[in-house]
């Protein structure tokens, strides 16, 4: 940043403001990490509840797909936790993490579509499959671009 961006009289205030914002950002990321940890416990509990309900209702296929959908949410949380750990250890947040989370959520939607109360329309299925393909292509392009930067 250019030195003449702020008048020299604001240097002290600017330094304290930046320090406060860095502290606040660190606190925000710690809060995000703790919230993600709590969500792991909640989704794990929901998964076991889905399995128990499936056994009690003698509807294992329907229950299995619901439980698999819950596990997909847990997978998304795990990817976000991994990204948060890397960030707290000083690495940058990678866009591919968020693409991966979006792909998992689209896949989850496609997995639970057959067991929803209302049968999905063909156009909905086509749009979700298209979104998955576009996210997959985006993921491949991002990885390819990162490889090109390294080489």
C-alpha atoms as a PDB file:
ATOM      1  CA  UNK A   1       0.000   0.000   0.000  1.00  0.00           C
ATOM      2  CA  UNK A   2       1.265   3.494  -0.747  1.00  0.00           C
ATOM      3  CA  UNK A   3       2.642   5.411   2.218  1.00  0.00           C
ATOM      4  CA  UNK A   4       0.724   8.537   1.240  1.00  0.00           C
ATOM      5  CA  UNK A   5      -2.638   6.766   1.342  1.00  0.00           C
ATOM      6  CA  UNK A   6      -3.378   8.360   4.729  1.00  0.00           C
ATOM      7  CA  UNK A   7      -2.138  11.638   6.141  1.00  0.00           C
ATOM      8  CA  UNK A   8       0.836  11.090   8.465  1.00  0.00           C
ATOM      9  CA  UNK A   9      -1.230  12.293  11.417  1.00  0.00           C
ATOM     10  CA  UNK A  10      -3.333   9.117  11.129  1.00  0.00           C
ATOM     11  CA  UNK A  11      -0.404   6.661  11.235  1.00  0.00           C
ATOM     12  CA  UNK A  12      -0.880   5.849  14.927  1.00  0.00           C
ATOM     13  CA  UNK A  13      -4.653   5.472  14.606  1.00  0.00           C
ATOM     14  CA  UNK A  14      -4.192   3.424  11.438  1.00  0.00           C
ATOM     15  CA  UNK A  15      -1.723   1.057  13.166  1.00  0.00           C
ATOM     16  CA  UNK A  16      -4.099   0.482  16.112  1.00  0.00           C
ATOM     17  CA  UNK A  17      -7.055   0.033  13.786  1.00  0.00           C
ATOM     18  CA  UNK A  18      -5.217  -2.609  11.783  1.00  0.00           C
ATOM     19  CA  UNK A  19      -4.116  -4.378  14.973  1.00  0.00           C
ATOM     20  CA  UNK A  20      -7.709  -4.375  16.297  1.00  0.00           C
ATOM     21  CA  UNK A  21      -9.054  -5.661  12.999  1.00  0.00           C
ATOM     22  CA  UNK A  22      -6.476  -8.477  12.909  1.00  0.00           C
ATOM     23  CA  UNK A  23      -7.436  -9.444  16.477  1.00  0.00           C
ATOM     24  CA  UNK A  24     -11.126  -9.332  15.591  1.00  0.00           C
ATOM     25  CA  UNK A  25     -10.545 -11.430  12.468  1.00  0.00           C
ATOM     26  CA  UNK A  26      -8.666 -14.017  14.528  1.00  0.00           C
ATOM     27  CA  UNK A  27     -11.508 -14.111  17.034  1.00  0.00           C
ATOM     28  CA  UNK A  28     -14.001 -14.534  14.184  1.00  0.00           C
ATOM     29  CA  UNK A  29     -12.074 -17.508  12.801  1.00  0.00           C
ATOM     30  CA  UNK A  30     -11.827 -19.129  16.218  1.00  0.00           C
ATOM     31  CA  UNK A  31     -15.595 -18.673  16.594  1.00  0.00           C
ATOM     32  CA  UNK A  32     -16.140 -20.210  13.149  1.00  0.00           C
ATOM     33  CA  UNK A  33     -13.929 -23.155  14.119  1.00  0.00           C
ATOM     34  CA  UNK A  34     -15.868 -23.743  17.344  1.00  0.00           C
ATOM     35  CA  UNK A  35     -19.192 -23.495  15.512  1.00  0.00           C
ATOM     36  CA  UNK A  36     -17.988 -26.044  12.964  1.00  0.00           C
ATOM     37  CA  UNK A  37     -16.950 -28.368  15.806  1.00  0.00           C
ATOM     38  CA  UNK A  38     -20.411 -28.117  17.349  1.00  0.00           C
ATOM     39  CA  UNK A  39     -21.995 -28.818  13.959  1.00  0.00           C
ATOM     40  CA  UNK A  40     -19.927 -32.021  13.671  1.00  0.00           C
ATOM     41  CA  UNK A  41     -21.477 -33.280  16.901  1.00  0.00           C
ATOM     42  CA  UNK A  42     -24.956 -32.263  15.733  1.00  0.00           C
ATOM     43  CA  UNK A  43     -24.652 -33.926  12.303  1.00  0.00           C
ATOM     44  CA  UNK A  44     -23.156 -37.075  13.836  1.00  0.00           C
ATOM     45  CA  UNK A  45     -26.116 -37.208  16.245  1.00  0.00           C
ATOM     46  CA  UNK A  46     -28.530 -36.662  13.337  1.00  0.00           C
ATOM     47  CA  UNK A  47     -26.874 -39.470  11.355  1.00  0.00           C
ATOM     48  CA  UNK A  48     -27.313 -41.977  14.191  1.00  0.00           C
ATOM     49  CA  UNK A  49     -30.873 -40.759  14.684  1.00  0.00           C
ATOM     50  CA  UNK A  50     -31.571 -41.329  10.949  1.00  0.00           C
ATOM     51  CA  UNK A  51     -30.157 -44.860  11.199  1.00  0.00           C
ATOM     52  CA  UNK A  52     -32.254 -45.623  14.298  1.00  0.00           C
ATOM     53  CA  UNK A  53     -35.420 -44.295  12.653  1.00  0.00           C
ATOM     54  CA  UNK A  54     -34.685 -46.377   9.514  1.00  0.00           C
ATOM     55  CA  UNK A  55     -34.379 -49.556  11.585  1.00  0.00           C
ATOM     56  CA  UNK A  56     -37.490 -48.754  13.634  1.00  0.00           C
ATOM     57  CA  UNK A  57     -39.568 -48.074  10.510  1.00  0.00           C
ATOM     58  CA  UNK A  58     -38.268 -51.166   8.662  1.00  0.00           C
ATOM     59  CA  UNK A  59     -37.523 -48.908   5.722  1.00  0.00           C
ATOM     60  CA  UNK A  60     -33.791 -49.385   5.311  1.00  0.00           C
ATOM     61  CA  UNK A  61     -33.396 -48.050   1.771  1.00  0.00           C
ATOM     62  CA  UNK A  62     -35.230 -44.790   2.471  1.00  0.00           C
ATOM     63  CA  UNK A  63     -33.459 -44.458   5.819  1.00  0.00           C
ATOM     64  CA  UNK A  64     -30.069 -45.274   4.312  1.00  0.00           C
ATOM     65  CA  UNK A  65     -30.433 -42.534   1.699  1.00  0.00           C
ATOM     66  CA  UNK A  66     -31.483 -40.022   4.360  1.00  0.00           C
ATOM     67  CA  UNK A  67     -28.549 -41.047   6.560  1.00  0.00           C
ATOM     68  CA  UNK A  68     -26.216 -40.786   3.558  1.00  0.00           C
ATOM     69  CA  UNK A  69     -27.511 -37.261   2.952  1.00  0.00           C
ATOM     70  CA  UNK A  70     -26.640 -36.402   6.555  1.00  0.00           C
ATOM     71  CA  UNK A  71     -23.159 -37.865   6.102  1.00  0.00           C
ATOM     72  CA  UNK A  72     -22.714 -35.668   3.040  1.00  0.00           C
ATOM     73  CA  UNK A  73     -23.427 -32.635   5.235  1.00  0.00           C
ATOM     74  CA  UNK A  74     -20.861 -33.939   7.704  1.00  0.00           C
ATOM     75  CA  UNK A  75     -18.364 -34.278   4.843  1.00  0.00           C
ATOM     76  CA  UNK A  76     -18.970 -30.636   3.899  1.00  0.00           C
ATOM     77  CA  UNK A  77     -18.372 -29.548   7.473  1.00  0.00           C
ATOM     78  CA  UNK A  78     -15.186 -31.634   7.545  1.00  0.00           C
ATOM     79  CA  UNK A  79     -13.895 -29.892   4.395  1.00  0.00           C
ATOM     80  CA  UNK A  80     -14.639 -26.512   5.957  1.00  0.00           C
ATOM     81  CA  UNK A  81     -12.894 -27.528   9.186  1.00  0.00           C
ATOM     82  CA  UNK A  82      -9.826 -28.604   7.214  1.00  0.00           C
ATOM     83  CA  UNK A  83      -9.785 -25.256   5.418  1.00  0.00           C
ATOM     84  CA  UNK A  84     -10.181 -23.403   8.721  1.00  0.00           C
ATOM     85  CA  UNK A  85      -7.313 -25.369  10.292  1.00  0.00           C
ATOM     86  CA  UNK A  86      -5.073 -24.538   7.342  1.00  0.00           C
ATOM     87  CA  UNK A  87      -6.057 -20.872   7.607  1.00  0.00           C
ATOM     88  CA  UNK A  88      -5.387 -20.732  11.350  1.00  0.00           C
ATOM     89  CA  UNK A  89      -1.978 -22.283  10.680  1.00  0.00           C
ATOM     90  CA  UNK A  90      -1.149 -19.446   8.275  1.00  0.00           C
ATOM     91  CA  UNK A  91      -2.175 -20.811   4.868  1.00  0.00           C
ATOM     92  CA  UNK A  92      -4.499 -19.053   2.462  1.00  0.00           C
ATOM     93  CA  UNK A  93      -8.135 -20.053   2.031  1.00  0.00           C
ATOM     94  CA  UNK A  94      -8.341 -22.003  -1.210  1.00  0.00           C
ATOM     95  CA  UNK A  95     -11.263 -21.537  -3.579  1.00  0.00           C
ATOM     96  CA  UNK A  96     -11.211 -25.269  -4.351  1.00  0.00           C
ATOM     97  CA  UNK A  97     -12.438 -25.979  -0.811  1.00  0.00           C
ATOM     98  CA  UNK A  98     -15.624 -24.052  -1.454  1.00  0.00           C
ATOM     99  CA  UNK A  99     -16.064 -25.678  -4.859  1.00  0.00           C
ATOM    100  CA  UNK A 100     -15.657 -29.081  -3.176  1.00  0.00           C
ATOM    101  CA  UNK A 101     -18.289 -28.183  -0.576  1.00  0.00           C
ATOM    102  CA  UNK A 102     -20.679 -27.057  -3.310  1.00  0.00           C
ATOM    103  CA  UNK A 103     -20.081 -30.311  -5.233  1.00  0.00           C
ATOM    104  CA  UNK A 104     -20.795 -32.391  -2.132  1.00  0.00           C
ATOM    105  CA  UNK A 105     -24.014 -30.461  -1.472  1.00  0.00           C
ATOM    106  CA  UNK A 106     -25.172 -30.912  -5.080  1.00  0.00           C
ATOM    107  CA  UNK A 107     -24.343 -34.621  -4.845  1.00  0.00           C
ATOM    108  CA  UNK A 108     -26.292 -34.790  -1.574  1.00  0.00           C
ATOM    109  CA  UNK A 109     -29.310 -33.231  -3.269  1.00  0.00           C
ATOM    110  CA  UNK A 110     -29.111 -35.789  -6.074  1.00  0.00           C
ATOM    111  CA  UNK A 111     -28.859 -38.639  -3.546  1.00  0.00           C
ATOM    112  CA  UNK A 112     -31.868 -37.579  -1.480  1.00  0.00           C
ATOM    113  CA  UNK A 113     -34.088 -36.588  -4.437  1.00  0.00           C
ATOM    114  CA  UNK A 114     -35.564 -40.095  -4.822  1.00  0.00           C
ATOM    115  CA  UNK A 115     -36.709 -40.235  -1.192  1.00  0.00           C
ATOM    116  CA  UNK A 116     -38.265 -36.778  -0.955  1.00  0.00           C
ATOM    117  CA  UNK A 117     -41.954 -36.404  -0.196  1.00  0.00           C
ATOM    118  CA  UNK A 118     -42.598 -34.752  -3.573  1.00  0.00           C
ATOM    119  CA  UNK A 119     -41.164 -36.395  -6.652  1.00  0.00           C
ATOM    120  CA  UNK A 120     -38.766 -34.029  -8.443  1.00  0.00           C
ATOM    121  CA  UNK A 121     -39.550 -32.858 -11.932  1.00  0.00           C
ATOM    122  CA  UNK A 122     -37.264 -33.861 -14.775  1.00  0.00           C
ATOM    123  CA  UNK A 123     -36.121 -30.257 -15.247  1.00  0.00           C
ATOM    124  CA  UNK A 124     -35.057 -30.068 -11.574  1.00  0.00           C
ATOM    125  CA  UNK A 125     -32.981 -33.219 -11.939  1.00  0.00           C
ATOM    126  CA  UNK A 126     -31.408 -31.908 -15.149  1.00  0.00           C
ATOM    127  CA  UNK A 127     -30.542 -28.597 -13.483  1.00  0.00           C
ATOM    128  CA  UNK A 128     -28.970 -30.314 -10.447  1.00  0.00           C
ATOM    129  CA  UNK A 129     -26.962 -32.688 -12.653  1.00  0.00           C
ATOM    130  CA  UNK A 130     -25.874 -29.727 -14.780  1.00  0.00           C
ATOM    131  CA  UNK A 131     -24.827 -27.815 -11.675  1.00  0.00           C
ATOM    132  CA  UNK A 132     -22.788 -30.824 -10.544  1.00  0.00           C
ATOM    133  CA  UNK A 133     -21.089 -31.105 -13.928  1.00  0.00           C
ATOM    134  CA  UNK A 134     -20.307 -27.379 -13.996  1.00  0.00           C
ATOM    135  CA  UNK A 135     -18.873 -27.511 -10.477  1.00  0.00           C
ATOM    136  CA  UNK A 136     -16.783 -30.541 -11.442  1.00  0.00           C
ATOM    137  CA  UNK A 137     -15.470 -28.715 -14.499  1.00  0.00           C
ATOM    138  CA  UNK A 138     -14.723 -25.633 -12.389  1.00  0.00           C
ATOM    139  CA  UNK A 139     -12.856 -27.793  -9.865  1.00  0.00           C
ATOM    140  CA  UNK A 140     -10.752 -29.387 -12.621  1.00  0.00           C
ATOM    141  CA  UNK A 141      -9.968 -25.977 -14.151  1.00  0.00           C
ATOM    142  CA  UNK A 142      -8.943 -24.520 -10.776  1.00  0.00           C
ATOM    143  CA  UNK A 143      -6.668 -27.502 -10.088  1.00  0.00           C
ATOM    144  CA  UNK A 144      -5.200 -27.280 -13.604  1.00  0.00           C
ATOM    145  CA  UNK A 145      -4.584 -23.528 -13.139  1.00  0.00           C
ATOM    146  CA  UNK A 146      -2.839 -24.149  -9.824  1.00  0.00           C
ATOM    147  CA  UNK A 147      -0.639 -26.791 -11.442  1.00  0.00           C
ATOM    148  CA  UNK A 148       0.258 -24.352 -14.214  1.00  0.00           C
ATOM    149  CA  UNK A 149       1.335 -21.772 -11.609  1.00  0.00           C
ATOM    150  CA  UNK A 150       3.588 -24.294  -9.864  1.00  0.00           C
ATOM    151  CA  UNK A 151       5.191 -25.440 -13.135  1.00  0.00           C
END
